[in-house]
All heavy atoms as atom14 arrays in JSON, in Angstrom:
{
  "sequence": "GDLTTVLERGAFPLKDNRLVPRGFRTVDPAYDTTRIVGAALA",
  "atom14_mask": [
    [1, 1, 1, 1, 0, 0, 0, 0, 0, 0, 0, 0, 0, 0],
    [1, 1, 1, 1, 1, 1, 1, 1, 0, 0, 0, 0, 0, 0],
    [1, 1, 1, 1, 1, 1, 1, 1, 0, 0, 0, 0, 0, 0],
    [1, 1, 1, 1, 1, 1, 1, 0, 0, 0, 0, 0, 0, 0],
    [1, 1, 1, 1, 1, 1, 1, 0, 0, 0, 0, 0, 0, 0],
    [1, 1, 1, 1, 1, 1, 1, 0, 0, 0, 0, 0, 0, 0],
    [1, 1, 1, 1, 1, 1, 1, 1, 0, 0, 0, 0, 0, 0],
    [1, 1, 1, 1, 1, 1, 1, 1, 1, 0, 0, 0, 0, 0],
    [1, 1, 1, 1, 1, 1, 1, 1, 1, 1, 1, 0, 0, 0],
    [1, 1, 1, 1, 0, 0, 0, 0, 0, 0, 0, 0, 0, 0],
    [1, 1, 1, 1, 1, 0, 0, 0, 0, 0, 0, 0, 0, 0],
    [1, 1, 1, 1, 1, 1, 1, 1, 1, 1, 1, 0, 0, 0],
    [1, 1, 1, 1, 1, 1, 1, 0, 0, 0, 0, 0, 0, 0],
    [1, 1, 1, 1, 1, 1, 1, 1, 0, 0, 0, 0, 0, 0],
    [1, 1, 1, 1, 1, 1, 1, 1, 1, 0, 0, 0, 0, 0],
    [1, 1, 1, 1, 1, 1, 1, 1, 0, 0, 0, 0, 0, 0],
    [1, 1, 1, 1, 1, 1, 1, 1, 0, 0, 0, 0, 0, 0],
    [1, 1, 1, 1, 1, 1, 1, 1, 1, 1, 1, 0, 0, 0],
    [1, 1, 1, 1, 1, 1, 1, 1, 0, 0, 0, 0, 0, 0],
    [1, 1, 1, 1, 1, 1, 1, 0, 0, 0, 0, 0, 0, 0],
    [1, 1, 1, 1, 1, 1, 1, 0, 0, 0, 0, 0, 0, 0],
    [1, 1, 1, 1, 1, 1, 1, 1, 1, 1, 1, 0, 0, 0],
    [1, 1, 1, 1, 0, 0, 0, 0, 0, 0, 0, 0, 0, 0],
    [1, 1, 1, 1, 1, 1, 1, 1, 1, 1, 1, 0, 0, 0],
    [1, 1, 1, 1, 1, 1, 1, 1, 1, 1, 1, 0, 0, 0],
    [1, 1, 1, 1, 1, 1, 1, 0, 0, 0, 0, 0, 0, 0],
    [1, 1, 1, 1, 1, 1, 1, 0, 0, 0, 0, 0, 0, 0],
    [1, 1, 1, 1, 1, 1, 1, 1, 0, 0, 0, 0, 0, 0],
    [1, 1, 1, 1, 1, 1, 1, 0, 0, 0, 0, 0, 0, 0],
    [1, 1, 1, 1, 1, 0, 0, 0, 0, 0, 0, 0, 0, 0],
    [1, 1, 1, 1, 1, 1, 1, 1, 1, 1, 1, 1, 0, 0],
    [1, 1, 1, 1, 1, 1, 1, 1, 0, 0, 0, 0, 0, 0],
    [1, 1, 1, 1, 1, 1, 1, 0, 0, 0, 0, 0, 0, 0],
    [1, 1, 1, 1, 1, 1, 1, 0, 0, 0, 0, 0, 0, 0],
    [1, 1, 1, 1, 1, 1, 1, 1, 1, 1, 1, 0, 0, 0],
    [1, 1, 1, 1, 1, 1, 1, 1, 0, 0, 0, 0, 0, 0],
    [1, 1, 1, 1, 1, 1, 1, 0, 0, 0, 0, 0, 0, 0],
    [1, 1, 1, 1, 0, 0, 0, 0, 0, 0, 0, 0, 0, 0],
    [1, 1, 1, 1, 1, 0, 0, 0, 0, 0, 0, 0, 0, 0],
    [1, 1, 1, 1, 1, 0, 0, 0, 0, 0, 0, 0, 0, 0],
    [1, 1, 1, 1, 1, 1, 1, 1, 0, 0, 0, 0, 0, 0],
    [1, 1, 1, 1, 1, 0, 0, 0, 0, 0, 0, 0, 0, 0]
  ],
  "atom14_positions": [
    [[-55.13, 76.28, -63.94], [-55.82, 76.71, -62.77], [-56.13, 75.62, -61.83], [-57.04, 75.93, -60.89], [0.0, 0.0, 0.0], [0.0, 0.0, 0.0], [0.0, 0.0, 0.0], [0.0, 0.0, 0.0], [0.0, 0.0, 0.0], [0.0, 0.0, 0.0], [0.0, 0.0, 0.0], [0.0, 0.0, 0.0], [0.0, 0.0, 0.0], [0.0, 0.0, 0.0]],
    [[-55.56, 74.43, -61.96], [-55.8, 73.43, -61.0], [-54.7, 73.42, -59.83], [-53.6, 73.82, -60.17], [-55.86, 72.02, -61.74], [-57.02, 71.87, -62.74], [-58.07, 72.39, -62.33], [-56.85, 71.33, -63.85], [0.0, 0.0, 0.0], [0.0, 0.0, 0.0], [0.0, 0.0, 0.0], [0.0, 0.0, 0.0], [0.0, 0.0, 0.0], [0.0, 0.0, 0.0]],
    [[-55.11, 72.91, -58.73], [-54.15, 72.87, -57.6], [-53.07, 71.95, -58.02], [-53.28, 70.87, -58.43], [-54.87, 72.33, -56.32], [-54.01, 72.05, -55.17], [-53.44, 73.41, -54.63], [-54.83, 71.35, -54.09], [0.0, 0.0, 0.0], [0.0, 0.0, 0.0], [0.0, 0.0, 0.0], [0.0, 0.0, 0.0], [0.0, 0.0, 0.0], [0.0, 0.0, 0.0]],
    [[-51.83, 72.34, -57.62], [-50.65, 71.46, -57.79], [-49.7, 71.67, -56.61], [-49.67, 72.78, -56.07], [-49.89, 71.77, -59.08], [-48.8, 70.83, -59.19], [-49.4, 73.2, -59.14], [0.0, 0.0, 0.0], [0.0, 0.0, 0.0], [0.0, 0.0, 0.0], [0.0, 0.0, 0.0], [0.0, 0.0, 0.0], [0.0, 0.0, 0.0], [0.0, 0.0, 0.0]],
    [[-49.01, 70.56, -56.22], [-48.1, 70.62, -55.19], [-46.63, 70.38, -55.81], [-45.72, 70.35, -55.01], [-48.31, 69.64, -54.08], [-48.29, 68.28, -54.76], [-49.69, 69.83, -53.5], [0.0, 0.0, 0.0], [0.0, 0.0, 0.0], [0.0, 0.0, 0.0], [0.0, 0.0, 0.0], [0.0, 0.0, 0.0], [0.0, 0.0, 0.0], [0.0, 0.0, 0.0]],
    [[-46.54, 70.41, -57.04], [-45.27, 70.19, -57.85], [-44.75, 71.63, -58.15], [-45.42, 72.35, -58.87], [-45.46, 69.31, -59.08], [-44.11, 69.19, -59.79], [-46.03, 68.09, -58.69], [0.0, 0.0, 0.0], [0.0, 0.0, 0.0], [0.0, 0.0, 0.0], [0.0, 0.0, 0.0], [0.0, 0.0, 0.0], [0.0, 0.0, 0.0], [0.0, 0.0, 0.0]],
    [[-43.6, 71.99, -57.59], [-43.1, 73.37, -57.84], [-42.99, 73.68, -59.26], [-43.21, 74.83, -59.75], [-41.71, 73.63, -57.11], [-41.79, 73.47, -55.57], [-40.44, 73.65, -55.02], [-42.69, 74.53, -55.0], [0.0, 0.0, 0.0], [0.0, 0.0, 0.0], [0.0, 0.0, 0.0], [0.0, 0.0, 0.0], [0.0, 0.0, 0.0], [0.0, 0.0, 0.0]],
    [[-42.44, 72.78, -60.11], [-42.21, 73.01, -61.5], [-43.5, 73.25, -62.29], [-43.42, 73.92, -63.34], [-41.39, 71.82, -62.19], [-40.01, 71.73, -61.74], [-39.91, 70.86, -60.53], [-40.94, 70.64, -59.87], [-38.84, 70.46, -60.15], [0.0, 0.0, 0.0], [0.0, 0.0, 0.0], [0.0, 0.0, 0.0], [0.0, 0.0, 0.0], [0.0, 0.0, 0.0]],
    [[-44.66, 72.89, -61.75], [-45.94, 73.03, -62.36], [-46.69, 74.32, -61.85], [-47.63, 74.69, -62.46], [-46.83, 71.92, -62.28], [-46.27, 70.6, -62.82], [-47.17, 69.39, -62.62], [-46.66, 68.2, -63.11], [-47.13, 67.0, -62.9], [-48.27, 66.83, -62.06], [-46.54, 65.88, -63.37], [0.0, 0.0, 0.0], [0.0, 0.0, 0.0], [0.0, 0.0, 0.0]],
    [[-46.14, 74.87, -60.78], [-46.82, 76.02, -60.28], [-46.72, 77.3, -61.21], [-45.58, 77.73, -61.59], [0.0, 0.0, 0.0], [0.0, 0.0, 0.0], [0.0, 0.0, 0.0], [0.0, 0.0, 0.0], [0.0, 0.0, 0.0], [0.0, 0.0, 0.0], [0.0, 0.0, 0.0], [0.0, 0.0, 0.0], [0.0, 0.0, 0.0], [0.0, 0.0, 0.0]],
    [[-47.91, 77.89, -61.53], [-47.94, 79.02, -62.36], [-48.34, 80.28, -61.66], [-47.81, 81.45, -61.86], [-48.9, 78.9, -63.54], [0.0, 0.0, 0.0], [0.0, 0.0, 0.0], [0.0, 0.0, 0.0], [0.0, 0.0, 0.0], [0.0, 0.0, 0.0], [0.0, 0.0, 0.0], [0.0, 0.0, 0.0], [0.0, 0.0, 0.0], [0.0, 0.0, 0.0]],
    [[-49.28, 80.25, -60.64], [-49.72, 81.42, -60.0], [-50.4, 80.9, -58.7], [-50.93, 79.75, -58.68], [-50.69, 82.21, -60.83], [-51.85, 81.44, -61.28], [-53.05, 81.4, -60.59], [-51.83, 80.93, -62.54], [-54.09, 80.71, -61.02], [-52.83, 80.06, -63.01], [-54.04, 80.06, -62.29], [0.0, 0.0, 0.0], [0.0, 0.0, 0.0], [0.0, 0.0, 0.0]],
    [[-50.52, 81.72, -57.57], [-51.18, 81.32, -56.41], [-52.66, 81.3, -56.57], [-53.23, 82.3, -57.08], [-50.68, 82.38, -55.39], [-50.37, 83.61, -56.18], [-49.85, 82.96, -57.52], [0.0, 0.0, 0.0], [0.0, 0.0, 0.0], [0.0, 0.0, 0.0], [0.0, 0.0, 0.0], [0.0, 0.0, 0.0], [0.0, 0.0, 0.0], [0.0, 0.0, 0.0]],
    [[-53.32, 80.28, -56.1], [-54.8, 80.2, -56.04], [-55.31, 80.92, -54.89], [-56.4, 81.52, -54.8], [-55.33, 78.84, -56.13], [-54.99, 77.98, -57.42], [-55.36, 76.56, -57.16], [-55.69, 78.69, -58.64], [0.0, 0.0, 0.0], [0.0, 0.0, 0.0], [0.0, 0.0, 0.0], [0.0, 0.0, 0.0], [0.0, 0.0, 0.0], [0.0, 0.0, 0.0]],
    [[-54.55, 80.82, -53.77], [-54.91, 81.34, -52.47], [-53.67, 81.53, -51.65], [-52.74, 80.69, -51.65], [-55.86, 80.29, -51.79], [-56.13, 80.58, -50.28], [-56.78, 79.34, -49.64], [-56.9, 79.35, -48.2], [-57.44, 78.09, -47.65], [0.0, 0.0, 0.0], [0.0, 0.0, 0.0], [0.0, 0.0, 0.0], [0.0, 0.0, 0.0], [0.0, 0.0, 0.0]],
    [[-53.63, 82.6, -50.86], [-52.6, 82.76, -49.87], [-53.13, 83.62, -48.8], [-53.26, 84.82, -49.0], [-51.34, 83.46, -50.43], [-50.11, 83.3, -49.57], [-50.32, 82.93, -48.37], [-48.99, 83.49, -49.96], [0.0, 0.0, 0.0], [0.0, 0.0, 0.0], [0.0, 0.0, 0.0], [0.0, 0.0, 0.0], [0.0, 0.0, 0.0], [0.0, 0.0, 0.0]],
    [[-53.69, 83.03, -47.76], [-54.16, 83.71, -46.58], [-53.39, 83.41, -45.4], [-53.92, 83.47, -44.27], [-55.64, 83.45, -46.34], [-55.75, 81.87, -45.97], [-54.95, 81.0, -46.25], [-56.97, 81.52, -45.31], [0.0, 0.0, 0.0], [0.0, 0.0, 0.0], [0.0, 0.0, 0.0], [0.0, 0.0, 0.0], [0.0, 0.0, 0.0], [0.0, 0.0, 0.0]],
    [[-52.07, 83.13, -45.51], [-51.16, 82.86, -44.46], [-51.18, 84.13, -43.55], [-51.11, 85.3, -44.02], [-49.84, 82.47, -44.86], [-49.83, 81.14, -45.54], [-48.38, 80.8, -46.02], [-48.06, 81.66, -47.13], [-46.9, 81.71, -47.8], [-45.99, 80.84, -47.4], [-46.67, 82.51, -48.78], [0.0, 0.0, 0.0], [0.0, 0.0, 0.0], [0.0, 0.0, 0.0]],
    [[-51.22, 83.96, -42.17], [-51.22, 85.07, -41.27], [-49.88, 85.88, -41.49], [-48.82, 85.25, -41.48], [-51.43, 84.66, -39.84], [-52.79, 84.05, -39.58], [-52.84, 83.44, -38.18], [-53.93, 85.04, -39.76], [0.0, 0.0, 0.0], [0.0, 0.0, 0.0], [0.0, 0.0, 0.0], [0.0, 0.0, 0.0], [0.0, 0.0, 0.0], [0.0, 0.0, 0.0]],
    [[-49.98, 87.13, -41.65], [-48.93, 88.02, -41.97], [-48.35, 88.54, -40.72], [-48.85, 88.47, -39.63], [-49.29, 89.17, -42.87], [-49.88, 88.62, -44.19], [-50.38, 89.98, -42.2], [0.0, 0.0, 0.0], [0.0, 0.0, 0.0], [0.0, 0.0, 0.0], [0.0, 0.0, 0.0], [0.0, 0.0, 0.0], [0.0, 0.0, 0.0], [0.0, 0.0, 0.0]],
    [[-47.06, 88.98, -40.73], [-46.43, 89.64, -39.54], [-47.16, 90.89, -39.09], [-47.76, 91.57, -39.89], [-44.97, 89.87, -39.94], [-44.82, 89.12, -41.31], [-46.06, 89.03, -41.89], [0.0, 0.0, 0.0], [0.0, 0.0, 0.0], [0.0, 0.0, 0.0], [0.0, 0.0, 0.0], [0.0, 0.0, 0.0], [0.0, 0.0, 0.0], [0.0, 0.0, 0.0]],
    [[-47.11, 91.19, -37.9], [-47.65, 92.42, -37.33], [-46.93, 93.58, -38.02], [-45.75, 93.6, -38.21], [-47.43, 92.46, -35.83], [-48.21, 93.67, -35.3], [-48.06, 93.7, -33.71], [-48.71, 92.6, -33.12], [-48.69, 92.25, -31.88], [-48.06, 93.12, -30.98], [-49.32, 91.2, -31.4], [0.0, 0.0, 0.0], [0.0, 0.0, 0.0], [0.0, 0.0, 0.0]],
    [[-47.74, 94.56, -38.53], [-47.21, 95.67, -39.21], [-47.2, 95.59, -40.69], [-46.85, 96.47, -41.44], [0.0, 0.0, 0.0], [0.0, 0.0, 0.0], [0.0, 0.0, 0.0], [0.0, 0.0, 0.0], [0.0, 0.0, 0.0], [0.0, 0.0, 0.0], [0.0, 0.0, 0.0], [0.0, 0.0, 0.0], [0.0, 0.0, 0.0], [0.0, 0.0, 0.0]],
    [[-47.55, 94.35, -41.16], [-47.53, 94.07, -42.66], [-48.64, 94.88, -43.28], [-49.77, 95.06, -42.88], [-47.81, 92.62, -42.89], [-47.86, 92.21, -44.37], [-46.66, 91.72, -44.87], [-48.95, 92.16, -45.04], [-46.68, 91.26, -46.17], [-48.99, 91.77, -46.41], [-47.8, 91.35, -46.96], [0.0, 0.0, 0.0], [0.0, 0.0, 0.0], [0.0, 0.0, 0.0]],
    [[-48.13, 95.5, -44.57], [-49.13, 96.25, -45.3], [-49.0, 95.98, -46.75], [-47.93, 95.63, -47.32], [-48.88, 97.8, -45.09], [-49.09, 98.21, -43.69], [-48.96, 99.76, -43.56], [-47.71, 100.28, -44.04], [-47.55, 101.51, -44.48], [-48.53, 102.39, -44.49], [-46.37, 101.95, -44.86], [0.0, 0.0, 0.0], [0.0, 0.0, 0.0], [0.0, 0.0, 0.0]],
    [[-50.1, 96.15, -47.52], [-50.12, 95.81, -48.97], [-49.32, 96.81, -49.78], [-48.97, 96.59, -50.85], [-51.49, 95.71, -49.46], [-52.17, 96.98, -49.26], [-52.24, 94.59, -48.89], [0.0, 0.0, 0.0], [0.0, 0.0, 0.0], [0.0, 0.0, 0.0], [0.0, 0.0, 0.0], [0.0, 0.0, 0.0], [0.0, 0.0, 0.0], [0.0, 0.0, 0.0]],
    [[-49.0, 97.92, -49.13], [-48.12, 98.95, -49.88], [-46.65, 98.79, -49.66], [-45.81, 99.63, -50.05], [-48.63, 100.36, -49.38], [-50.01, 100.68, -49.83], [-48.37, 100.68, -47.92], [0.0, 0.0, 0.0], [0.0, 0.0, 0.0], [0.0, 0.0, 0.0], [0.0, 0.0, 0.0], [0.0, 0.0, 0.0], [0.0, 0.0, 0.0], [0.0, 0.0, 0.0]],
    [[-46.29, 97.68, -48.97], [-44.84, 97.46, -48.7], [-44.11, 97.21, -50.05], [-44.75, 96.7, -50.96], [-44.67, 96.2, -47.87], [-43.23, 95.98, -47.46], [-42.41, 95.41, -48.23], [-42.97, 96.4, -46.24], [0.0, 0.0, 0.0], [0.0, 0.0, 0.0], [0.0, 0.0, 0.0], [0.0, 0.0, 0.0], [0.0, 0.0, 0.0], [0.0, 0.0, 0.0]],
    [[-42.87, 97.77, -50.22], [-42.13, 97.61, -51.49], [-41.9, 96.21, -51.87], [-41.87, 95.9, -53.2], [-40.84, 98.29, -51.11], [-41.09, 99.2, -50.03], [-42.18, 98.58, -49.19], [0.0, 0.0, 0.0], [0.0, 0.0, 0.0], [0.0, 0.0, 0.0], [0.0, 0.0, 0.0], [0.0, 0.0, 0.0], [0.0, 0.0, 0.0], [0.0, 0.0, 0.0]],
    [[-41.98, 95.21, -51.0], [-41.78, 93.77, -51.34], [-43.1, 93.07, -51.45], [-43.14, 91.86, -51.51], [-40.87, 93.15, -50.26], [0.0, 0.0, 0.0], [0.0, 0.0, 0.0], [0.0, 0.0, 0.0], [0.0, 0.0, 0.0], [0.0, 0.0, 0.0], [0.0, 0.0, 0.0], [0.0, 0.0, 0.0], [0.0, 0.0, 0.0], [0.0, 0.0, 0.0]],
    [[-44.27, 93.84, -51.51], [-45.53, 93.19, -51.5], [-45.76, 92.22, -52.74], [-46.5, 91.22, -52.64], [-46.67, 94.15, -51.41], [-48.03, 93.58, -51.41], [-48.46, 92.74, -50.34], [-48.9, 93.65, -52.48], [-49.69, 92.17, -50.27], [-50.17, 93.04, -52.47], [-50.5, 92.37, -51.36], [-51.79, 91.79, -51.37], [0.0, 0.0, 0.0], [0.0, 0.0, 0.0]],
    [[-45.1, 92.57, -53.87], [-45.3, 91.72, -55.05], [-44.77, 90.3, -54.91], [-45.21, 89.38, -55.62], [-44.56, 92.41, -56.26], [-43.08, 92.56, -56.07], [-42.69, 92.64, -54.87], [-42.39, 92.56, -57.07], [0.0, 0.0, 0.0], [0.0, 0.0, 0.0], [0.0, 0.0, 0.0], [0.0, 0.0, 0.0], [0.0, 0.0, 0.0], [0.0, 0.0, 0.0]],
    [[-43.93, 90.1, -53.93], [-43.49, 88.64, -53.64], [-44.02, 88.11, -52.42], [-43.74, 86.91, -52.14], [-41.97, 88.73, -53.48], [-41.56, 89.44, -52.41], [-41.21, 89.26, -54.78], [0.0, 0.0, 0.0], [0.0, 0.0, 0.0], [0.0, 0.0, 0.0], [0.0, 0.0, 0.0], [0.0, 0.0, 0.0], [0.0, 0.0, 0.0], [0.0, 0.0, 0.0]],
    [[-44.93, 88.82, -51.7], [-45.55, 88.33, -50.49], [-47.0, 88.69, -50.46], [-47.54, 89.08, -49.39], [-44.88, 88.93, -49.23], [-44.88, 90.44, -49.26], [-43.33, 88.57, -49.1], [0.0, 0.0, 0.0], [0.0, 0.0, 0.0], [0.0, 0.0, 0.0], [0.0, 0.0, 0.0], [0.0, 0.0, 0.0], [0.0, 0.0, 0.0], [0.0, 0.0, 0.0]],
    [[-47.69, 88.45, -51.65], [-49.1, 88.99, -51.67], [-50.01, 88.13, -50.98], [-49.86, 87.0, -50.8], [-49.45, 89.04, -53.16], [-48.71, 90.01, -54.1], [-49.35, 90.06, -55.43], [-49.19, 88.79, -56.14], [-50.02, 88.16, -56.87], [-51.21, 88.73, -56.95], [-49.77, 87.03, -57.49], [0.0, 0.0, 0.0], [0.0, 0.0, 0.0], [0.0, 0.0, 0.0]],
    [[-51.08, 88.87, -50.48], [-52.33, 88.21, -49.94], [-53.13, 87.86, -51.15], [-53.4, 88.76, -51.97], [-53.04, 88.98, -48.99], [-52.16, 89.4, -47.75], [-54.31, 88.28, -48.45], [-52.68, 90.41, -46.93], [0.0, 0.0, 0.0], [0.0, 0.0, 0.0], [0.0, 0.0, 0.0], [0.0, 0.0, 0.0], [0.0, 0.0, 0.0], [0.0, 0.0, 0.0]],
    [[-53.62, 86.64, -51.35], [-54.33, 86.13, -52.51], [-55.66, 85.68, -52.1], [-55.8, 84.73, -51.24], [-53.49, 85.22, -53.4], [-54.32, 84.76, -54.7], [-52.18, 85.84, -53.78], [0.0, 0.0, 0.0], [0.0, 0.0, 0.0], [0.0, 0.0, 0.0], [0.0, 0.0, 0.0], [0.0, 0.0, 0.0], [0.0, 0.0, 0.0], [0.0, 0.0, 0.0]],
    [[-56.75, 86.03, -52.85], [-58.05, 85.45, -52.56], [-58.9, 86.21, -51.7], [-58.76, 87.48, -51.57], [0.0, 0.0, 0.0], [0.0, 0.0, 0.0], [0.0, 0.0, 0.0], [0.0, 0.0, 0.0], [0.0, 0.0, 0.0], [0.0, 0.0, 0.0], [0.0, 0.0, 0.0], [0.0, 0.0, 0.0], [0.0, 0.0, 0.0], [0.0, 0.0, 0.0]],
    [[-59.97, 85.55, -51.07], [-60.92, 86.25, -50.34], [-60.39, 86.92, -49.04], [-61.13, 87.83, -48.55], [-62.02, 85.24, -49.85], [0.0, 0.0, 0.0], [0.0, 0.0, 0.0], [0.0, 0.0, 0.0], [0.0, 0.0, 0.0], [0.0, 0.0, 0.0], [0.0, 0.0, 0.0], [0.0, 0.0, 0.0], [0.0, 0.0, 0.0], [0.0, 0.0, 0.0]],
    [[-59.27, 86.61, -48.65], [-58.67, 87.28, -47.49], [-58.41, 88.8, -47.79], [-58.54, 89.56, -46.86], [-57.37, 86.67, -47.07], [0.0, 0.0, 0.0], [0.0, 0.0, 0.0], [0.0, 0.0, 0.0], [0.0, 0.0, 0.0], [0.0, 0.0, 0.0], [0.0, 0.0, 0.0], [0.0, 0.0, 0.0], [0.0, 0.0, 0.0], [0.0, 0.0, 0.0]],
    [[-58.29, 89.15, -48.87], [-58.05, 90.54, -49.28], [-59.3, 91.34, -48.99], [-59.29, 92.64, -48.71], [-57.64, 90.73, -50.74], [-56.24, 90.74, -51.14], [-56.02, 90.75, -52.6], [-55.49, 91.81, -50.42], [0.0, 0.0, 0.0], [0.0, 0.0, 0.0], [0.0, 0.0, 0.0], [0.0, 0.0, 0.0], [0.0, 0.0, 0.0], [0.0, 0.0, 0.0]],
    [[-60.49, 90.75, -49.13], [-61.74, 91.48, -48.94], [-62.35, 91.16, -47.44], [-63.31, 91.73, -47.21], [-62.83, 91.0, -49.9], [0.0, 0.0, 0.0], [0.0, 0.0, 0.0], [0.0, 0.0, 0.0], [0.0, 0.0, 0.0], [0.0, 0.0, 0.0], [0.0, 0.0, 0.0], [0.0, 0.0, 0.0], [0.0, 0.0, 0.0], [0.0, 0.0, 0.0]]
  ]
}
């Protein structure tokens, strides 16, 4: 659960609040690979 910048050590996202494209929705079929993670969801 510690931050890492090494790809081989990455297990899961701690945060992903990158601004999404206009029209982006969490019900999109590809959402499992482009998830919003963390407090941005709320």
